[in-house]
PDB file of all heavy atoms in Angstrom:
ATOM      1  N   LEU A   1     -12.272  -4.444  19.151  1.00  0.00           N
ATOM      2  CA  LEU A   1     -11.207  -4.450  18.051  1.00  0.00           C
ATOM      3  C   LEU A   1     -11.675  -5.293  16.880  1.00  0.00           C
ATOM      4  O   LEU A   1     -11.444  -4.866  15.747  1.00  0.00           O
ATOM      5  CB  LEU A   1      -9.978  -5.130  18.731  1.00  0.00           C
ATOM      6  CG  LEU A   1      -9.235  -4.343  19.717  1.00  0.00           C
ATOM      7  CD1 LEU A   1      -7.991  -5.189  20.264  1.00  0.00           C
ATOM      8  CD2 LEU A   1      -8.705  -2.989  19.126  1.00  0.00           C
ATOM      9  N   ASP A   2     -12.507  -6.242  16.965  1.00  0.00           N
ATOM     10  CA  ASP A   2     -13.020  -7.008  15.862  1.00  0.00           C
ATOM     11  C   ASP A   2     -13.911  -6.047  15.060  1.00  0.00           C
ATOM     12  O   ASP A   2     -13.944  -6.165  13.765  1.00  0.00           O
ATOM     13  CB  ASP A   2     -13.723  -8.270  16.395  1.00  0.00           C
ATOM     14  CG  ASP A   2     -12.819  -9.331  16.924  1.00  0.00           C
ATOM     15  OD1 ASP A   2     -11.657  -9.247  16.591  1.00  0.00           O
ATOM     16  OD2 ASP A   2     -13.273 -10.152  17.866  1.00  0.00           O
ATOM     17  N   ILE A   3     -14.797  -5.347  15.722  1.00  0.00           N
ATOM     18  CA  ILE A   3     -15.770  -4.425  15.035  1.00  0.00           C
ATOM     19  C   ILE A   3     -14.926  -3.390  14.335  1.00  0.00           C
ATOM     20  O   ILE A   3     -15.253  -3.094  13.148  1.00  0.00           O
ATOM     21  CB  ILE A   3     -16.664  -3.803  16.074  1.00  0.00           C
ATOM     22  CG1 ILE A   3     -17.564  -4.852  16.677  1.00  0.00           C
ATOM     23  CG2 ILE A   3     -17.554  -2.709  15.411  1.00  0.00           C
ATOM     24  CD1 ILE A   3     -18.460  -4.341  17.749  1.00  0.00           C
ATOM     25  N   LEU A   4     -13.925  -2.867  14.937  1.00  0.00           N
ATOM     26  CA  LEU A   4     -13.033  -1.872  14.325  1.00  0.00           C
ATOM     27  C   LEU A   4     -12.433  -2.519  13.080  1.00  0.00           C
ATOM     28  O   LEU A   4     -12.271  -1.767  11.931  1.00  0.00           O
ATOM     29  CB  LEU A   4     -12.037  -1.333  15.250  1.00  0.00           C
ATOM     30  CG  LEU A   4     -11.044  -0.262  14.590  1.00  0.00           C
ATOM     31  CD1 LEU A   4     -11.743   0.966  14.175  1.00  0.00           C
ATOM     32  CD2 LEU A   4     -10.026   0.104  15.676  1.00  0.00           C
ATOM     33  N   GLY A   5     -11.923  -3.647  13.122  1.00  0.00           N
ATOM     34  CA  GLY A   5     -11.335  -4.339  11.958  1.00  0.00           C
ATOM     35  C   GLY A   5     -12.199  -4.573  10.883  1.00  0.00           C
ATOM     36  O   GLY A   5     -11.967  -4.386   9.708  1.00  0.00           O
ATOM     37  N   LEU A   6     -13.544  -4.959  11.170  1.00  0.00           N
ATOM     38  CA  LEU A   6     -14.547  -5.073  10.136  1.00  0.00           C
ATOM     39  C   LEU A   6     -14.877  -3.805   9.464  1.00  0.00           C
ATOM     40  O   LEU A   6     -14.895  -3.753   8.164  1.00  0.00           O
ATOM     41  CB  LEU A   6     -15.785  -5.688  10.654  1.00  0.00           C
ATOM     42  CG  LEU A   6     -15.720  -7.122  11.321  1.00  0.00           C
ATOM     43  CD1 LEU A   6     -17.041  -7.401  11.903  1.00  0.00           C
ATOM     44  CD2 LEU A   6     -15.488  -8.086  10.161  1.00  0.00           C
ATOM     45  N   TRP A   7     -14.944  -2.722  10.105  1.00  0.00           N
ATOM     46  CA  TRP A   7     -15.172  -1.434   9.562  1.00  0.00           C
ATOM     47  C   TRP A   7     -14.011  -0.932   8.659  1.00  0.00           C
ATOM     48  O   TRP A   7     -14.182  -0.305   7.623  1.00  0.00           O
ATOM     49  CB  TRP A   7     -15.589  -0.444  10.536  1.00  0.00           C
ATOM     50  CG  TRP A   7     -16.917  -0.584  10.994  1.00  0.00           C
ATOM     51  CD1 TRP A   7     -17.485  -1.470  12.023  1.00  0.00           C
ATOM     52  CD2 TRP A   7     -18.151   0.173  10.474  1.00  0.00           C
ATOM     53  NE1 TRP A   7     -18.867  -1.290  12.015  1.00  0.00           N
ATOM     54  CE2 TRP A   7     -19.406  -0.336  11.183  1.00  0.00           C
ATOM     55  CE3 TRP A   7     -18.242   1.212   9.550  1.00  0.00           C
ATOM     56  CZ2 TRP A   7     -20.570   0.263  10.924  1.00  0.00           C
ATOM     57  CZ3 TRP A   7     -19.614   1.657   9.341  1.00  0.00           C
ATOM     58  CH2 TRP A   7     -20.639   1.283   9.948  1.00  0.00           C
ATOM     59  N   ILE A   8     -12.771  -1.202   9.218  1.00  0.00           N
ATOM     60  CA  ILE A   8     -11.643  -0.848   8.351  1.00  0.00           C
ATOM     61  C   ILE A   8     -11.600  -1.637   7.092  1.00  0.00           C
ATOM     62  O   ILE A   8     -11.358  -1.145   5.889  1.00  0.00           O
ATOM     63  CB  ILE A   8     -10.321  -1.147   9.208  1.00  0.00           C
ATOM     64  CG1 ILE A   8     -10.300   0.021  10.271  1.00  0.00           C
ATOM     65  CG2 ILE A   8      -9.163  -0.962   8.250  1.00  0.00           C
ATOM     66  CD1 ILE A   8      -9.123  -0.289  11.210  1.00  0.00           C
ATOM     67  N   GLY A   9     -11.887  -2.980   7.171  1.00  0.00           N
ATOM     68  CA  GLY A   9     -11.958  -3.848   6.005  1.00  0.00           C
ATOM     69  C   GLY A   9     -13.079  -3.353   5.058  1.00  0.00           C
ATOM     70  O   GLY A   9     -12.755  -3.333   3.801  1.00  0.00           O
ATOM     71  N   ALA A  10     -14.229  -3.010   5.497  1.00  0.00           N
ATOM     72  CA  ALA A  10     -15.320  -2.558   4.633  1.00  0.00           C
ATOM     73  C   ALA A  10     -14.835  -1.216   4.051  1.00  0.00           C
ATOM     74  O   ALA A  10     -15.056  -1.003   2.725  1.00  0.00           O
ATOM     75  CB  ALA A  10     -16.546  -2.377   5.463  1.00  0.00           C
ATOM     76  N   ALA A  11     -14.274  -0.350   4.754  1.00  0.00           N
ATOM     77  CA  ALA A  11     -13.843   0.966   4.131  1.00  0.00           C
ATOM     78  C   ALA A  11     -12.814   0.727   3.055  1.00  0.00           C
ATOM     79  O   ALA A  11     -12.962   1.363   1.919  1.00  0.00           O
ATOM     80  CB  ALA A  11     -13.346   1.895   5.286  1.00  0.00           C
ATOM     81  N   LEU A  12     -11.850  -0.075   3.288  1.00  0.00           N
ATOM     82  CA  LEU A  12     -10.738  -0.295   2.242  1.00  0.00           C
ATOM     83  C   LEU A  12     -11.263  -1.041   1.087  1.00  0.00           C
ATOM     84  O   LEU A  12     -10.843  -0.821  -0.020  1.00  0.00           O
ATOM     85  CB  LEU A  12      -9.661  -1.131   3.018  1.00  0.00           C
ATOM     86  CG  LEU A  12      -8.816  -0.484   4.019  1.00  0.00           C
ATOM     87  CD1 LEU A  12      -7.782  -1.352   4.590  1.00  0.00           C
ATOM     88  CD2 LEU A  12      -8.164   0.870   3.433  1.00  0.00           C
ATOM     89  N   SER A  13     -12.288  -1.927   1.328  1.00  0.00           N
ATOM     90  CA  SER A  13     -12.877  -2.620   0.158  1.00  0.00           C
ATOM     91  C   SER A  13     -13.670  -1.565  -0.701  1.00  0.00           C
ATOM     92  O   SER A  13     -13.558  -1.653  -2.017  1.00  0.00           O
ATOM     93  CB  SER A  13     -13.884  -3.606   0.548  1.00  0.00           C
ATOM     94  OG  SER A  13     -13.267  -4.610   1.290  1.00  0.00           O
ATOM     95  N   LEU A  14     -14.361  -0.687  -0.146  1.00  0.00           N
ATOM     96  CA  LEU A  14     -15.101   0.342  -0.871  1.00  0.00           C
ATOM     97  C   LEU A  14     -14.055   1.350  -1.631  1.00  0.00           C
ATOM     98  O   LEU A  14     -14.412   1.776  -2.741  1.00  0.00           O
ATOM     99  CB  LEU A  14     -15.933   1.281   0.051  1.00  0.00           C
ATOM    100  CG  LEU A  14     -17.178   0.439   0.567  1.00  0.00           C
ATOM    101  CD1 LEU A  14     -17.914   1.310   1.601  1.00  0.00           C
ATOM    102  CD2 LEU A  14     -18.050  -0.036  -0.501  1.00  0.00           C
ATOM    103  N   CYS A  15     -13.039   1.585  -0.923  1.00  0.00           N
ATOM    104  CA  CYS A  15     -11.929   2.359  -1.577  1.00  0.00           C
ATOM    105  C   CYS A  15     -11.418   1.749  -2.881  1.00  0.00           C
ATOM    106  O   CYS A  15     -11.087   2.243  -3.994  1.00  0.00           O
ATOM    107  CB  CYS A  15     -10.749   2.621  -0.583  1.00  0.00           C
ATOM    108  SG  CYS A  15     -11.188   3.816   0.770  1.00  0.00           S
ATOM    109  N   ILE A  16     -11.177   0.353  -2.816  1.00  0.00           N
ATOM    110  CA  ILE A  16     -10.845  -0.361  -3.948  1.00  0.00           C
ATOM    111  C   ILE A  16     -11.786  -0.321  -5.056  1.00  0.00           C
ATOM    112  O   ILE A  16     -11.432  -0.113  -6.241  1.00  0.00           O
ATOM    113  CB  ILE A  16     -10.424  -1.830  -3.594  1.00  0.00           C
ATOM    114  CG1 ILE A  16      -9.157  -1.884  -2.652  1.00  0.00           C
ATOM    115  CG2 ILE A  16     -10.107  -2.657  -4.822  1.00  0.00           C
ATOM    116  CD1 ILE A  16      -7.935  -1.350  -3.306  1.00  0.00           C
ATOM    117  N   PHE A  17     -13.067  -0.509  -4.589  1.00  0.00           N
ATOM    118  CA  PHE A  17     -14.160  -0.540  -5.580  1.00  0.00           C
ATOM    119  C   PHE A  17     -14.363   0.855  -6.304  1.00  0.00           C
ATOM    120  O   PHE A  17     -14.899   0.896  -7.468  1.00  0.00           O
ATOM    121  CB  PHE A  17     -15.423  -0.995  -5.050  1.00  0.00           C
ATOM    122  CG  PHE A  17     -15.529  -2.456  -4.728  1.00  0.00           C
ATOM    123  CD1 PHE A  17     -16.108  -2.956  -3.622  1.00  0.00           C
ATOM    124  CD2 PHE A  17     -14.891  -3.377  -5.622  1.00  0.00           C
ATOM    125  CE1 PHE A  17     -16.256  -4.277  -3.299  1.00  0.00           C
ATOM    126  CE2 PHE A  17     -14.975  -4.757  -5.222  1.00  0.00           C
ATOM    127  CZ  PHE A  17     -15.616  -5.191  -4.261  1.00  0.00           C
ATOM    128  N   SER A  18     -13.842   1.990  -5.623  1.00  0.00           N
ATOM    129  CA  SER A  18     -13.985   3.242  -6.173  1.00  0.00           C
ATOM    130  C   SER A  18     -13.223   3.331  -7.544  1.00  0.00           C
ATOM    131  O   SER A  18     -13.469   4.385  -8.237  1.00  0.00           O
ATOM    132  CB  SER A  18     -13.507   4.277  -5.183  1.00  0.00           C
ATOM    133  OG  SER A  18     -12.122   4.134  -4.917  1.00  0.00           O
ATOM    134  N   PHE A  19     -12.231   2.429  -7.754  1.00  0.00           N
ATOM    135  CA  PHE A  19     -11.468   2.470  -9.002  1.00  0.00           C
ATOM    136  C   PHE A  19     -12.447   2.240 -10.170  1.00  0.00           C
ATOM    137  O   PHE A  19     -12.033   2.572 -11.398  1.00  0.00           O
ATOM    138  CB  PHE A  19     -10.301   1.450  -8.956  1.00  0.00           C
ATOM    139  CG  PHE A  19      -9.456   1.603 -10.152  1.00  0.00           C
ATOM    140  CD1 PHE A  19      -8.532   2.577 -10.328  1.00  0.00           C
ATOM    141  CD2 PHE A  19      -9.398   0.585 -11.189  1.00  0.00           C
ATOM    142  CE1 PHE A  19      -7.604   2.676 -11.435  1.00  0.00           C
ATOM    143  CE2 PHE A  19      -8.670   0.627 -12.241  1.00  0.00           C
ATOM    144  CZ  PHE A  19      -7.712   1.675 -12.351  1.00  0.00           C
ATOM    145  N   LEU A  20     -13.581   1.561 -10.085  1.00  0.00           N
ATOM    146  CA  LEU A  20     -14.452   1.367 -11.088  1.00  0.00           C
ATOM    147  C   LEU A  20     -14.969   2.620 -11.713  1.00  0.00           C
ATOM    148  O   LEU A  20     -15.367   2.708 -12.892  1.00  0.00           O
ATOM    149  CB  LEU A  20     -15.607   0.566 -10.578  1.00  0.00           C
ATOM    150  CG  LEU A  20     -15.292  -0.885 -10.082  1.00  0.00           C
ATOM    151  CD1 LEU A  20     -16.436  -1.543  -9.524  1.00  0.00           C
ATOM    152  CD2 LEU A  20     -14.708  -1.708 -11.258  1.00  0.00           C
ATOM    153  N   TYR A  21     -14.949   3.773 -10.790  1.00  0.00           N
ATOM    154  CA  TYR A  21     -15.402   5.027 -11.393  1.00  0.00           C
ATOM    155  C   TYR A  21     -14.253   5.713 -12.112  1.00  0.00           C
ATOM    156  O   TYR A  21     -14.231   6.072 -13.192  1.00  0.00           O
ATOM    157  CB  TYR A  21     -15.914   5.945 -10.202  1.00  0.00           C
ATOM    158  CG  TYR A  21     -16.136   7.406 -10.511  1.00  0.00           C
ATOM    159  CD1 TYR A  21     -17.182   7.706 -11.461  1.00  0.00           C
ATOM    160  CD2 TYR A  21     -15.399   8.357  -9.984  1.00  0.00           C
ATOM    161  CE1 TYR A  21     -17.270   8.981 -11.845  1.00  0.00           C
ATOM    162  CE2 TYR A  21     -15.665   9.636 -10.226  1.00  0.00           C
ATOM    163  CZ  TYR A  21     -16.603  10.050 -11.222  1.00  0.00           C
ATOM    164  OH  TYR A  21     -16.726  11.368 -11.568  1.00  0.00           O
ATOM    165  N   ARG A  22     -13.108   5.873 -11.279  1.00  0.00           N
ATOM    166  CA  ARG A  22     -11.888   6.396 -11.933  1.00  0.00           C
ATOM    167  C   ARG A  22     -10.757   6.314 -10.827  1.00  0.00           C
ATOM    168  O   ARG A  22     -11.034   6.106  -9.618  1.00  0.00           O
ATOM    169  CB  ARG A  22     -12.034   7.825 -12.392  1.00  0.00           C
ATOM    170  CG  ARG A  22     -12.301   8.807 -11.271  1.00  0.00           C
ATOM    171  CD  ARG A  22     -12.388  10.285 -11.897  1.00  0.00           C
ATOM    172  NE  ARG A  22     -12.623  11.163 -10.789  1.00  0.00           N
ATOM    173  CZ  ARG A  22     -12.761  12.481 -11.157  1.00  0.00           C
ATOM    174  NH1 ARG A  22     -12.710  12.982 -12.383  1.00  0.00           N
ATOM    175  NH2 ARG A  22     -12.890  13.321 -10.079  1.00  0.00           N
ATOM    176  N   ASP A  23      -9.513   6.532 -11.271  1.00  0.00           N
ATOM    177  CA  ASP A  23      -8.409   6.506 -10.351  1.00  0.00           C
ATOM    178  C   ASP A  23      -8.601   7.762  -9.310  1.00  0.00           C
ATOM    179  O   ASP A  23      -8.930   8.793  -9.781  1.00  0.00           O
ATOM    180  CB  ASP A  23      -7.075   6.550 -11.089  1.00  0.00           C
ATOM    181  CG  ASP A  23      -5.976   6.377 -10.101  1.00  0.00           C
ATOM    182  OD1 ASP A  23      -6.162   5.972  -8.954  1.00  0.00           O
ATOM    183  OD2 ASP A  23      -4.795   6.634 -10.637  1.00  0.00           O
ATOM    184  N   ASN A  24      -8.452   7.468  -7.985  1.00  0.00           N
ATOM    185  CA  ASN A  24      -8.646   8.498  -7.171  1.00  0.00           C
ATOM    186  C   ASN A  24      -7.741   8.275  -5.869  1.00  0.00           C
ATOM    187  O   ASN A  24      -7.097   7.238  -5.652  1.00  0.00           O
ATOM    188  CB  ASN A  24     -10.094   8.572  -6.649  1.00  0.00           C
ATOM    189  CG  ASN A  24     -10.521   7.278  -6.018  1.00  0.00           C
ATOM    190  OD1 ASN A  24     -10.309   7.054  -5.025  1.00  0.00           O
ATOM    191  ND2 ASN A  24     -11.138   6.422  -6.882  1.00  0.00           N
ATOM    192  N   PRO A  25      -7.554   9.297  -5.051  1.00  0.00           N
ATOM    193  CA  PRO A  25      -6.713   9.102  -3.863  1.00  0.00           C
ATOM    194  C   PRO A  25      -7.113   8.098  -2.867  1.00  0.00           C
ATOM    195  O   PRO A  25      -6.233   7.392  -2.280  1.00  0.00           O
ATOM    196  CB  PRO A  25      -6.758  10.568  -3.162  1.00  0.00           C
ATOM    197  CG  PRO A  25      -7.220  11.503  -4.272  1.00  0.00           C
ATOM    198  CD  PRO A  25      -7.986  10.716  -5.114  1.00  0.00           C
ATOM    199  N   LEU A  26      -8.438   7.802  -2.732  1.00  0.00           N
ATOM    200  CA  LEU A  26      -8.807   6.750  -1.857  1.00  0.00           C
ATOM    201  C   LEU A  26      -8.324   5.423  -2.320  1.00  0.00           C
ATOM    202  O   LEU A  26      -7.929   4.545  -1.508  1.00  0.00           O
ATOM    203  CB  LEU A  26     -10.371   6.855  -1.728  1.00  0.00           C
ATOM    204  CG  LEU A  26     -10.982   8.021  -0.995  1.00  0.00           C
ATOM    205  CD1 LEU A  26     -12.549   7.859  -0.991  1.00  0.00           C
ATOM    206  CD2 LEU A  26     -10.444   8.145   0.452  1.00  0.00           C
ATOM    207  N   TYR A  27      -8.462   5.218  -3.639  1.00  0.00           N
ATOM    208  CA  TYR A  27      -7.955   3.893  -4.273  1.00  0.00           C
ATOM    209  C   TYR A  27      -6.476   3.739  -4.045  1.00  0.00           C
ATOM    210  O   TYR A  27      -6.054   2.700  -3.541  1.00  0.00           O
ATOM    211  CB  TYR A  27      -8.274   3.799  -5.698  1.00  0.00           C
ATOM    212  CG  TYR A  27      -7.617   2.692  -6.345  1.00  0.00           C
ATOM    213  CD1 TYR A  27      -8.013   1.379  -6.272  1.00  0.00           C
ATOM    214  CD2 TYR A  27      -6.499   2.948  -7.253  1.00  0.00           C
ATOM    215  CE1 TYR A  27      -7.470   0.328  -6.869  1.00  0.00           C
ATOM    216  CE2 TYR A  27      -5.840   1.848  -7.824  1.00  0.00           C
ATOM    217  CZ  TYR A  27      -6.319   0.597  -7.601  1.00  0.00           C
ATOM    218  OH  TYR A  27      -5.596  -0.514  -8.210  1.00  0.00           O
ATOM    219  N   ARG A  28      -5.683   4.774  -4.180  1.00  0.00           N
ATOM    220  CA  ARG A  28      -4.276   4.723  -4.063  1.00  0.00           C
ATOM    221  C   ARG A  28      -3.909   4.441  -2.572  1.00  0.00           C
ATOM    222  O   ARG A  28      -2.962   3.817  -2.262  1.00  0.00           O
ATOM    223  CB  ARG A  28      -3.611   5.959  -4.648  1.00  0.00           C
ATOM    224  CG  ARG A  28      -3.627   6.077  -6.089  1.00  0.00           C
ATOM    225  CD  ARG A  28      -2.809   7.145  -6.630  1.00  0.00           C
ATOM    226  NE  ARG A  28      -3.184   8.430  -6.238  1.00  0.00           N
ATOM    227  CZ  ARG A  28      -4.038   9.275  -6.942  1.00  0.00           C
ATOM    228  NH1 ARG A  28      -4.382   8.774  -8.095  1.00  0.00           N
ATOM    229  NH2 ARG A  28      -4.419  10.497  -6.595  1.00  0.00           N
ATOM    230  N   LEU A  29      -4.697   5.113  -1.620  1.00  0.00           N
ATOM    231  CA  LEU A  29      -4.450   4.868  -0.237  1.00  0.00           C
ATOM    232  C   LEU A  29      -4.657   3.328   0.094  1.00  0.00           C
ATOM    233  O   LEU A  29      -3.781   2.785   0.728  1.00  0.00           O
ATOM    234  CB  LEU A  29      -5.325   5.770   0.660  1.00  0.00           C
ATOM    235  CG  LEU A  29      -5.402   5.455   2.001  1.00  0.00           C
ATOM    236  CD1 LEU A  29      -4.027   5.746   2.737  1.00  0.00           C
ATOM    237  CD2 LEU A  29      -6.447   6.230   2.762  1.00  0.00           C
ATOM    238  N   ALA A  30      -5.762   2.794  -0.365  1.00  0.00           N
ATOM    239  CA  ALA A  30      -6.072   1.444  -0.110  1.00  0.00           C
ATOM    240  C   ALA A  30      -5.035   0.472  -0.671  1.00  0.00           C
ATOM    241  O   ALA A  30      -4.498  -0.516  -0.062  1.00  0.00           O
ATOM    242  CB  ALA A  30      -7.560   1.037  -0.544  1.00  0.00           C
ATOM    243  N   GLU A  31      -4.520   0.866  -1.947  1.00  0.00           N
ATOM    244  CA  GLU A  31      -3.476   0.070  -2.690  1.00  0.00           C
ATOM    245  C   GLU A  31      -2.189   0.088  -1.763  1.00  0.00           C
ATOM    246  O   GLU A  31      -1.465  -0.943  -1.690  1.00  0.00           O
ATOM    247  CB  GLU A  31      -3.296   0.668  -3.963  1.00  0.00           C
ATOM    248  CG  GLU A  31      -2.319  -0.117  -4.925  1.00  0.00           C
ATOM    249  CD  GLU A  31      -2.135   0.444  -6.206  1.00  0.00           C
ATOM    250  OE1 GLU A  31      -2.380   1.772  -6.433  1.00  0.00           O
ATOM    251  OE2 GLU A  31      -1.862  -0.196  -7.219  1.00  0.00           O
ATOM    252  N   HIS A  32      -1.759   1.313  -1.343  1.00  0.00           N
ATOM    253  CA  HIS A  32      -0.489   1.350  -0.609  1.00  0.00           C
ATOM    254  C   HIS A  32      -0.660   0.667   0.757  1.00  0.00           C
ATOM    255  O   HIS A  32       0.323  -0.107   1.149  1.00  0.00           O
ATOM    256  CB  HIS A  32      -0.160   2.796  -0.403  1.00  0.00           C
ATOM    257  CG  HIS A  32       0.364   3.534  -1.542  1.00  0.00           C
ATOM    258  ND1 HIS A  32      -0.435   3.916  -2.619  1.00  0.00           N
ATOM    259  CD2 HIS A  32       1.590   3.944  -1.974  1.00  0.00           C
ATOM    260  CE1 HIS A  32       0.315   4.528  -3.658  1.00  0.00           C
ATOM    261  NE2 HIS A  32       1.474   4.539  -3.167  1.00  0.00           N
ATOM    262  N   VAL A  33      -1.786   0.656   1.345  1.00  0.00           N
ATOM    263  CA  VAL A  33      -1.959  -0.094   2.573  1.00  0.00           C
ATOM    264  C   VAL A  33      -1.948  -1.430   2.337  1.00  0.00           C
ATOM    265  O   VAL A  33      -1.187  -2.141   3.163  1.00  0.00           O
ATOM    266  CB  VAL A  33      -3.405   0.423   3.254  1.00  0.00           C
ATOM    267  CG1 VAL A  33      -3.660  -0.596   4.358  1.00  0.00           C
ATOM    268  CG2 VAL A  33      -3.352   1.748   3.711  1.00  0.00           C
ATOM    269  N   PHE A  34      -2.600  -2.016   1.290  1.00  0.00           N
ATOM    270  CA  PHE A  34      -2.476  -3.364   0.939  1.00  0.00           C
ATOM    271  C   PHE A  34      -1.041  -3.908   0.734  1.00  0.00           C
ATOM    272  O   PHE A  34      -0.659  -4.892   1.232  1.00  0.00           O
ATOM    273  CB  PHE A  34      -3.305  -3.780  -0.230  1.00  0.00           C
ATOM    274  CG  PHE A  34      -3.355  -5.155  -0.716  1.00  0.00           C
ATOM    275  CD1 PHE A  34      -3.915  -6.074   0.038  1.00  0.00           C
ATOM    276  CD2 PHE A  34      -2.491  -5.497  -1.803  1.00  0.00           C
ATOM    277  CE1 PHE A  34      -3.870  -7.433  -0.505  1.00  0.00           C
ATOM    278  CE2 PHE A  34      -2.476  -6.779  -2.244  1.00  0.00           C
ATOM    279  CZ  PHE A  34      -3.204  -7.709  -1.481  1.00  0.00           C
TER     280      PHE A  34
END
């Protein structure tokens, strides 16, 4: 469960950083989850 949480955190962090390129569905998904 800890490993799964780390990977989810890493994936959501990358989704947030994707906004540096442009607005996209992955960023909006991470934003809504947060």
